[in-house]
Amino acid sequence: MSASGQEANLGTTPVRAGYAFDESALEAWLRVNVPGFAGPLRVEQFKGGQSNPTYKLVAASGTYVLRRKPPGQLLKGAHAIEREARVLQALGTTGFPVARIHAVCTDDAVIGTWFYVMEMVEGRIFWDATIPEVPAFERPRYFDAMNSTIARLHSLDPAAIGLSDYGKPGNYFARQIARWSRQYLDDTDAGRDWNMDLLVEWLPDNIPADEKDEVRIVHGDFRIDNMIFHPTEPRVLAVLDWELSTLGHPLADFAYHSMMYHMPSHIVAGLAGADLAALHIPPETAYVASYCDRTGRDTIPGYQFALAFNFFRLAAIFHGIKGRAIRGTAASAQAHERAAAFPELAALGVAQIPQRY
């Protein structure tokens, strides 16, 4: 991510135009629904958060985080913050590192959209995947912490924590390709792209045969900048941004995470072009091997396909951001930068196709 991109995501700002709401109505709701809450309340907006607007709530009783559906016309099925809250609550029962949910509101009358309130986890977010803030000799431990966290997520049994109906089991690639192709094709405001059209055509016909169609909770956006690390230790305190989570294939989810090795840093936190040896960052092969070892598998079948699929899916998400920016409903001030990166992501997806035709 560019320096301007990092700056656009760091910290808070006064609530931006179009995203304000009745703060007194929220404060009244918090007094009733959040145990121990005490005002007065001050509301700020986090600069990051591409899809669901996220706010910092500062009160006498402490600091909280509010995530809400964005105002305006929304695509069907998008911005389901109640799903985010549900998966956070379920994962919290296992000790998996997530923020604790205080309350969920499904009444539009309070602030205009549904929202939930969770604890504010204090720690570090790294916007640069090379983590320059960390001494080189410590970097392998931070990558190992990410690796062990996603492996731990994929070891959980969804049924055991009440999430057996959190998504449709099986045929994950086919369903996701159909979903994102439809959103891409339906959002005519954002236009078309030749590489994206090629991926829409190629991906459904090249889903690899998999002897085990595993079903696990998948995060869907597992990147270094979606984690809060301990202030001083190589430990993940909370995984953020669960909007894209569902039941799915864990190998697709891991390939999205390991896509960082192919991702230019000016788009999102990525390692493409970085001197990994000099930075003391484990190479992709070793990182994949660590995940395989932790999850009891030998290899990741169809790994190149999974990378192509994940670049396609992220391109579709950025295409959606482009559409929202055009319609004036994008949640982040950085939305136009994301929209501009859409064609590059589509091209990177095509570049992953084995023996390109």
Protein backbone atom coordinates (compact mmCIF):
# COMPACT_ATOMS: atom_id res chain seq x y z
CA MET A 1 0.00 0.00 0.00
CA SER A 2 1.28 3.44 -0.86
CA ALA A 3 2.24 5.93 1.83
CA SER A 4 -0.87 7.92 1.00
CA GLY A 5 -2.90 4.74 1.30
CA GLN A 6 -1.45 4.01 4.72
CA GLU A 7 -2.15 7.55 5.85
CA ALA A 8 -5.72 7.21 4.58
CA ASN A 9 -6.25 4.21 6.85
CA LEU A 10 -4.52 5.35 10.04
CA GLY A 11 -6.48 6.70 12.98
CA THR A 12 -9.78 8.50 13.08
CA THR A 13 -11.34 11.63 11.66
CA PRO A 14 -14.48 13.62 12.43
CA VAL A 15 -17.50 11.78 11.01
CA ARG A 16 -17.46 12.36 7.27
CA ALA A 17 -20.26 13.97 5.32
CA GLY A 18 -22.98 11.46 4.56
CA TYR A 19 -22.07 9.16 7.45
CA ALA A 20 -23.35 11.13 10.42
CA PHE A 21 -26.27 9.94 12.54
CA ASP A 22 -28.23 10.93 15.64
CA GLU A 23 -25.57 10.51 18.34
CA SER A 24 -28.01 11.20 21.16
CA ALA A 25 -30.23 8.35 19.92
CA LEU A 26 -27.19 6.05 19.85
CA GLU A 27 -26.17 7.09 23.36
CA ALA A 28 -29.65 6.34 24.67
CA TRP A 29 -29.55 2.91 22.99
CA LEU A 30 -26.07 2.17 24.42
CA ARG A 31 -27.24 2.98 27.96
CA VAL A 32 -29.94 0.32 27.67
CA ASN A 33 -28.11 -2.34 25.66
CA VAL A 34 -24.40 -2.23 26.60
CA PRO A 35 -23.75 -3.32 30.19
CA GLY A 36 -21.87 -0.70 32.17
CA PHE A 37 -22.06 1.98 29.49
CA ALA A 38 -21.88 5.54 30.78
CA GLY A 39 -21.74 8.78 28.80
CA PRO A 40 -21.13 11.38 27.68
CA LEU A 41 -20.42 9.98 24.21
CA ARG A 42 -18.05 11.26 21.51
CA VAL A 43 -18.12 9.71 18.03
CA GLU A 44 -15.21 9.62 15.56
CA GLN A 45 -14.93 7.71 12.27
CA PHE A 46 -12.06 5.37 11.47
CA LYS A 47 -10.33 6.29 8.22
CA GLY A 48 -10.13 2.64 7.16
CA GLY A 49 -13.01 0.24 6.56
CA GLN A 50 -13.80 -0.01 2.88
CA SER A 51 -17.26 -1.49 3.03
CA ASN A 52 -18.94 -1.08 6.39
CA PRO A 53 -18.39 2.34 8.02
CA THR A 54 -16.60 1.93 11.35
CA TYR A 55 -16.68 4.38 14.22
CA LYS A 56 -14.76 4.90 17.47
CA LEU A 57 -17.04 5.57 20.42
CA VAL A 58 -15.35 7.35 23.31
CA ALA A 59 -17.34 7.40 26.55
CA ALA A 60 -16.80 7.75 30.27
CA SER A 61 -17.10 3.97 30.60
CA GLY A 62 -14.44 3.24 27.99
CA THR A 63 -13.80 3.07 24.27
CA TYR A 64 -15.90 1.00 21.88
CA VAL A 65 -16.07 0.28 18.15
CA LEU A 66 -19.29 0.50 16.10
CA ARG A 67 -19.68 -1.07 12.65
CA ARG A 68 -22.78 -0.35 10.61
CA LYS A 69 -24.26 -0.96 7.20
CA PRO A 70 -23.48 2.00 4.94
CA PRO A 71 -26.30 4.40 4.14
CA GLY A 72 -27.81 4.46 0.68
CA GLN A 73 -28.84 1.81 -1.84
CA LEU A 74 -27.06 -1.51 -1.25
CA LEU A 75 -26.57 -4.63 -3.34
CA LYS A 76 -28.67 -7.55 -2.15
CA GLY A 77 -26.86 -9.65 0.45
CA ALA A 78 -24.00 -7.18 0.90
CA HIS A 79 -22.99 -5.50 4.17
CA ALA A 80 -24.60 -8.15 6.40
CA ILE A 81 -23.16 -6.84 9.65
CA GLU A 82 -25.41 -9.19 11.64
CA ARG A 83 -23.40 -12.07 10.14
CA GLU A 84 -20.16 -10.42 11.25
CA ALA A 85 -21.50 -10.16 14.78
CA ARG A 86 -22.67 -13.77 14.78
CA VAL A 87 -19.32 -15.23 13.72
CA LEU A 88 -17.44 -13.02 16.19
CA GLN A 89 -19.69 -14.18 19.02
CA ALA A 90 -19.26 -17.85 18.05
CA LEU A 91 -15.49 -17.65 17.65
CA GLY A 92 -15.20 -15.82 20.94
CA THR A 93 -16.47 -18.93 22.73
CA THR A 94 -13.42 -20.87 21.49
CA GLY A 95 -10.79 -18.36 22.58
CA PHE A 96 -9.96 -17.52 18.97
CA PRO A 97 -8.58 -13.95 18.79
CA VAL A 98 -11.54 -11.70 17.98
CA ALA A 99 -13.02 -8.59 19.57
CA ARG A 100 -15.85 -9.18 22.04
CA ILE A 101 -19.33 -8.15 20.89
CA HIS A 102 -21.27 -5.98 23.34
CA ALA A 103 -24.58 -5.65 21.47
CA VAL A 104 -26.24 -5.85 18.05
CA CYS A 105 -28.98 -3.52 16.75
CA THR A 106 -31.29 -4.59 13.92
CA ASP A 107 -33.56 -1.55 14.24
CA ASP A 108 -33.04 1.04 11.50
CA ALA A 109 -34.77 3.65 13.62
CA VAL A 110 -31.80 4.14 15.99
CA ILE A 111 -29.08 5.44 13.60
CA GLY A 112 -30.60 4.68 10.19
CA THR A 113 -28.98 1.28 9.57
CA TRP A 114 -28.25 -1.94 11.47
CA PHE A 115 -25.05 -1.94 13.53
CA TYR A 116 -23.13 -3.69 16.26
CA VAL A 117 -20.85 -2.50 19.06
CA MET A 118 -17.71 -4.36 20.11
CA GLU A 119 -14.73 -3.83 22.36
CA MET A 120 -11.82 -1.68 21.26
CA VAL A 121 -8.73 -3.92 21.07
CA GLU A 122 -5.54 -1.94 21.62
CA GLY A 123 -2.49 -3.07 19.69
CA ARG A 124 -0.64 -2.68 16.39
CA ILE A 125 -1.94 -2.91 12.84
CA PHE A 126 0.71 -3.32 10.15
CA TRP A 127 -0.26 -1.73 6.85
CA ASP A 128 2.97 -2.82 5.17
CA ALA A 129 3.43 -6.61 4.83
CA THR A 130 7.21 -6.24 5.18
CA ILE A 131 6.54 -4.93 8.73
CA PRO A 132 9.41 -2.42 8.73
CA GLU A 133 8.49 -1.47 12.32
CA VAL A 134 9.76 -4.87 13.49
CA PRO A 135 13.46 -5.85 13.71
CA ALA A 136 14.44 -8.29 10.95
CA PHE A 137 15.29 -11.11 13.34
CA GLU A 138 11.74 -10.98 14.80
CA ARG A 139 9.84 -10.97 11.50
CA PRO A 140 9.66 -14.77 11.11
CA ARG A 141 7.79 -14.94 14.43
CA TYR A 142 5.15 -12.49 13.19
CA PHE A 143 4.62 -14.48 10.01
CA ASP A 144 4.43 -17.64 12.09
CA ALA A 145 1.78 -16.00 14.29
CA MET A 146 -0.35 -15.24 11.22
CA ASN A 147 0.18 -18.75 9.88
CA SER A 148 -0.81 -20.40 13.15
CA THR A 149 -3.87 -18.15 13.49
CA ILE A 150 -5.35 -19.03 10.10
CA ALA A 151 -4.49 -22.72 10.66
CA ARG A 152 -6.31 -22.54 14.00
CA LEU A 153 -9.37 -21.00 12.34
CA HIS A 154 -9.45 -23.82 9.80
CA SER A 155 -9.19 -26.44 12.55
CA LEU A 156 -12.49 -25.38 14.13
CA ASP A 157 -15.62 -27.46 13.55
CA PRO A 158 -18.39 -25.03 12.52
CA ALA A 159 -21.14 -27.28 13.94
CA ALA A 160 -19.44 -27.41 17.34
CA ILE A 161 -19.79 -23.63 17.76
CA GLY A 162 -23.26 -23.24 16.30
CA LEU A 163 -22.26 -22.24 12.78
CA SER A 164 -23.35 -25.29 10.79
CA ASP A 165 -25.80 -23.07 8.87
CA TYR A 166 -23.42 -20.13 8.42
CA GLY A 167 -23.12 -20.91 4.72
CA LYS A 168 -23.82 -23.60 2.18
CA PRO A 169 -21.51 -26.62 2.48
CA GLY A 170 -19.65 -27.88 -0.57
CA ASN A 171 -18.98 -26.51 -4.06
CA TYR A 172 -17.34 -23.44 -2.55
CA PHE A 173 -15.37 -22.39 -5.63
CA ALA A 174 -18.34 -22.79 -7.97
CA ARG A 175 -20.66 -20.81 -5.69
CA GLN A 176 -18.16 -18.03 -5.08
CA ILE A 177 -17.27 -17.70 -8.77
CA ALA A 178 -20.97 -17.46 -9.62
CA ARG A 179 -21.61 -14.92 -6.85
CA TRP A 180 -18.78 -12.55 -7.72
CA SER A 181 -19.32 -12.93 -11.47
CA ARG A 182 -22.94 -11.92 -10.97
CA GLN A 183 -22.01 -8.91 -8.82
CA TYR A 184 -19.40 -7.85 -11.36
CA LEU A 185 -21.76 -8.21 -14.32
CA ASP A 186 -24.72 -6.62 -12.53
CA ASP A 187 -22.86 -3.50 -11.39
CA THR A 188 -23.00 -1.72 -14.73
CA ASP A 189 -22.01 1.61 -13.19
CA ALA A 190 -18.44 0.37 -12.68
CA GLY A 191 -17.99 -0.86 -16.25
CA ARG A 192 -16.29 -3.95 -17.73
CA ASP A 193 -12.69 -5.13 -18.04
CA TRP A 194 -11.22 -7.58 -20.59
CA ASN A 195 -9.16 -9.53 -18.04
CA MET A 196 -12.11 -9.77 -15.68
CA ASP A 197 -14.30 -11.05 -18.48
CA LEU A 198 -11.68 -13.71 -19.24
CA LEU A 199 -11.62 -14.85 -15.60
CA VAL A 200 -15.42 -15.01 -15.50
CA GLU A 201 -15.21 -17.38 -18.45
CA TRP A 202 -12.12 -19.42 -17.46
CA LEU A 203 -12.60 -20.05 -13.74
CA PRO A 204 -15.85 -22.10 -13.78
CA ASP A 205 -14.41 -24.49 -16.37
CA ASN A 206 -11.16 -25.10 -14.50
CA ILE A 207 -12.14 -25.82 -10.90
CA PRO A 208 -9.71 -28.54 -9.78
CA ALA A 209 -11.04 -31.92 -8.72
CA ASP A 210 -10.61 -32.24 -4.96
CA GLU A 211 -10.90 -35.55 -3.20
CA LYS A 212 -11.94 -33.78 0.00
CA ASP A 213 -14.37 -30.91 -0.28
CA GLU A 214 -13.64 -29.64 3.22
CA VAL A 215 -16.02 -27.27 4.95
CA ARG A 216 -14.63 -24.84 7.50
CA ILE A 217 -15.20 -21.27 8.62
CA VAL A 218 -13.36 -19.06 6.14
CA HIS A 219 -12.54 -15.44 6.87
CA GLY A 220 -12.45 -14.29 3.26
CA ASP A 221 -10.11 -11.31 3.78
CA PHE A 222 -7.29 -12.70 5.94
CA ARG A 223 -4.52 -10.12 5.46
CA ILE A 224 -1.89 -8.74 7.80
CA ASP A 225 -3.69 -5.38 7.90
CA ASN A 226 -6.87 -7.10 9.11
CA MET A 227 -5.17 -8.21 12.32
CA ILE A 228 -4.36 -6.44 15.56
CA PHE A 229 -1.05 -7.60 17.00
CA HIS A 230 0.05 -7.34 20.62
CA PRO A 231 1.75 -3.97 21.34
CA THR A 232 5.17 -5.58 21.80
CA GLU A 233 4.89 -9.32 21.07
CA PRO A 234 4.51 -11.39 17.86
CA ARG A 235 0.99 -12.41 18.82
CA VAL A 236 -2.37 -11.82 17.12
CA LEU A 237 -4.87 -10.28 19.54
CA ALA A 238 -7.80 -9.91 17.15
CA VAL A 239 -8.70 -10.72 13.57
CA LEU A 240 -10.86 -7.96 12.07
CA ASP A 241 -13.33 -7.48 9.20
CA TRP A 242 -15.40 -10.66 8.99
CA GLU A 243 -17.87 -9.32 6.41
CA LEU A 244 -16.86 -11.90 3.79
CA SER A 245 -16.76 -14.86 6.17
CA THR A 246 -18.83 -17.96 5.44
CA LEU A 247 -18.55 -21.73 5.34
CA GLY A 248 -16.11 -22.63 2.61
CA HIS A 249 -12.98 -24.42 1.53
CA PRO A 250 -10.05 -23.68 3.87
CA LEU A 251 -7.51 -23.97 1.05
CA ALA A 252 -9.23 -21.16 -0.86
CA ASP A 253 -9.05 -19.03 2.28
CA PHE A 254 -5.38 -19.81 2.85
CA ALA A 255 -4.53 -19.09 -0.81
CA TYR A 256 -6.15 -15.67 -0.40
CA HIS A 257 -3.89 -15.07 2.59
CA SER A 258 -0.73 -16.30 0.81
CA MET A 259 -1.66 -14.14 -2.18
CA MET A 260 0.38 -11.50 -0.33
CA TYR A 261 3.47 -13.02 -1.96
CA HIS A 262 2.12 -11.95 -5.37
CA MET A 263 0.39 -8.72 -4.32
CA PRO A 264 1.93 -5.31 -5.14
CA SER A 265 2.26 -3.26 -1.98
CA HIS A 266 0.54 -0.22 -3.52
CA ILE A 267 -2.78 -2.10 -3.76
CA VAL A 268 -3.05 -3.79 -0.36
CA ALA A 269 -0.42 -5.12 2.04
CA GLY A 270 1.72 -7.29 -0.23
CA LEU A 271 5.22 -8.64 -0.75
CA ALA A 272 5.57 -8.66 -4.56
CA GLY A 273 9.01 -7.40 -5.51
CA ALA A 274 10.34 -7.41 -1.94
CA ASP A 275 13.72 -8.98 -1.14
CA LEU A 276 12.39 -11.58 1.27
CA ALA A 277 15.79 -12.99 2.21
CA ALA A 278 17.14 -9.56 3.10
CA LEU A 279 13.98 -8.79 5.05
CA HIS A 280 14.19 -12.12 6.88
CA ILE A 281 10.66 -13.03 5.73
CA PRO A 282 9.91 -16.71 5.01
CA PRO A 283 9.51 -17.53 1.31
CA GLU A 284 6.14 -18.60 -0.07
CA THR A 285 7.09 -22.28 -0.29
CA ALA A 286 8.09 -22.40 3.38
CA TYR A 287 5.00 -20.46 4.44
CA VAL A 288 2.70 -22.84 2.55
CA ALA A 289 4.57 -25.82 4.03
CA SER A 290 4.05 -24.48 7.57
CA TYR A 291 0.31 -24.21 7.02
CA CYS A 292 0.19 -27.70 5.53
CA ASP A 293 2.11 -29.07 8.51
CA ARG A 294 -0.24 -27.39 10.98
CA THR A 295 -3.36 -28.65 9.20
CA GLY A 296 -2.15 -32.19 8.54
CA ARG A 297 -1.88 -32.13 4.76
CA ASP A 298 0.94 -32.75 2.32
CA THR A 299 0.17 -30.17 -0.35
CA ILE A 300 -2.46 -27.70 -1.52
CA PRO A 301 -3.99 -29.15 -4.69
CA GLY A 302 -4.89 -26.57 -7.30
CA TYR A 303 -2.86 -23.86 -5.58
CA GLN A 304 -2.35 -21.80 -8.79
CA PHE A 305 -6.07 -21.97 -9.54
CA ALA A 306 -6.82 -20.81 -6.00
CA LEU A 307 -4.52 -17.81 -6.46
CA ALA A 308 -6.21 -16.90 -9.77
CA PHE A 309 -9.62 -17.27 -8.12
CA ASN A 310 -8.63 -15.04 -5.20
CA PHE A 311 -7.27 -12.26 -7.41
CA PHE A 312 -10.57 -12.48 -9.32
CA ARG A 313 -12.62 -12.28 -6.13
CA LEU A 314 -10.64 -9.32 -4.78
CA ALA A 315 -10.94 -7.63 -8.17
CA ALA A 316 -14.70 -8.13 -7.97
CA ILE A 317 -14.73 -6.56 -4.51
CA PHE A 318 -12.76 -3.56 -5.77
CA HIS A 319 -15.12 -3.35 -8.75
CA GLY A 320 -17.95 -3.10 -6.22
CA ILE A 321 -16.08 -0.32 -4.40
CA LYS A 322 -15.73 1.46 -7.75
CA GLY A 323 -19.47 1.20 -8.28
CA ARG A 324 -20.21 2.54 -4.80
CA ALA A 325 -17.75 5.40 -5.32
CA ILE A 326 -19.57 6.33 -8.54
CA ARG A 327 -22.92 6.15 -6.72
CA GLY A 328 -21.57 8.10 -3.73
CA THR A 329 -22.05 5.35 -1.13
CA ALA A 330 -18.42 4.15 -0.63
CA ALA A 331 -17.56 4.06 3.07
CA SER A 332 -13.88 5.02 2.88
CA ALA A 333 -12.09 8.12 1.70
CA GLN A 334 -9.68 5.69 0.01
CA ALA A 335 -12.42 4.19 -2.17
CA HIS A 336 -11.25 5.94 -5.36
CA GLU A 337 -7.74 4.53 -4.91
CA ARG A 338 -9.21 1.05 -4.53
CA ALA A 339 -11.39 1.55 -7.59
CA ALA A 340 -8.36 2.55 -9.67
CA ALA A 341 -6.58 -0.71 -8.70
CA PHE A 342 -9.39 -2.93 -10.02
CA PRO A 343 -7.95 -3.48 -13.55
CA GLU A 344 -4.51 -4.36 -12.13
CA LEU A 345 -6.02 -7.00 -9.87
CA ALA A 346 -7.91 -8.53 -12.78
CA ALA A 347 -4.67 -8.67 -14.78
CA LEU A 348 -2.87 -10.33 -11.86
CA GLY A 349 -5.64 -12.93 -11.74
CA VAL A 350 -5.09 -13.77 -15.41
CA ALA A 351 -1.34 -13.94 -14.76
CA GLN A 352 -1.89 -16.82 -12.30
CA ILE A 353 -3.60 -19.03 -14.91
CA PRO A 354 -1.35 -22.05 -15.50
CA GLN A 355 -0.16 -22.35 -19.12
CA ARG A 356 -2.15 -19.28 -20.12
CA TYR A 357 -3.97 -19.52 -23.39
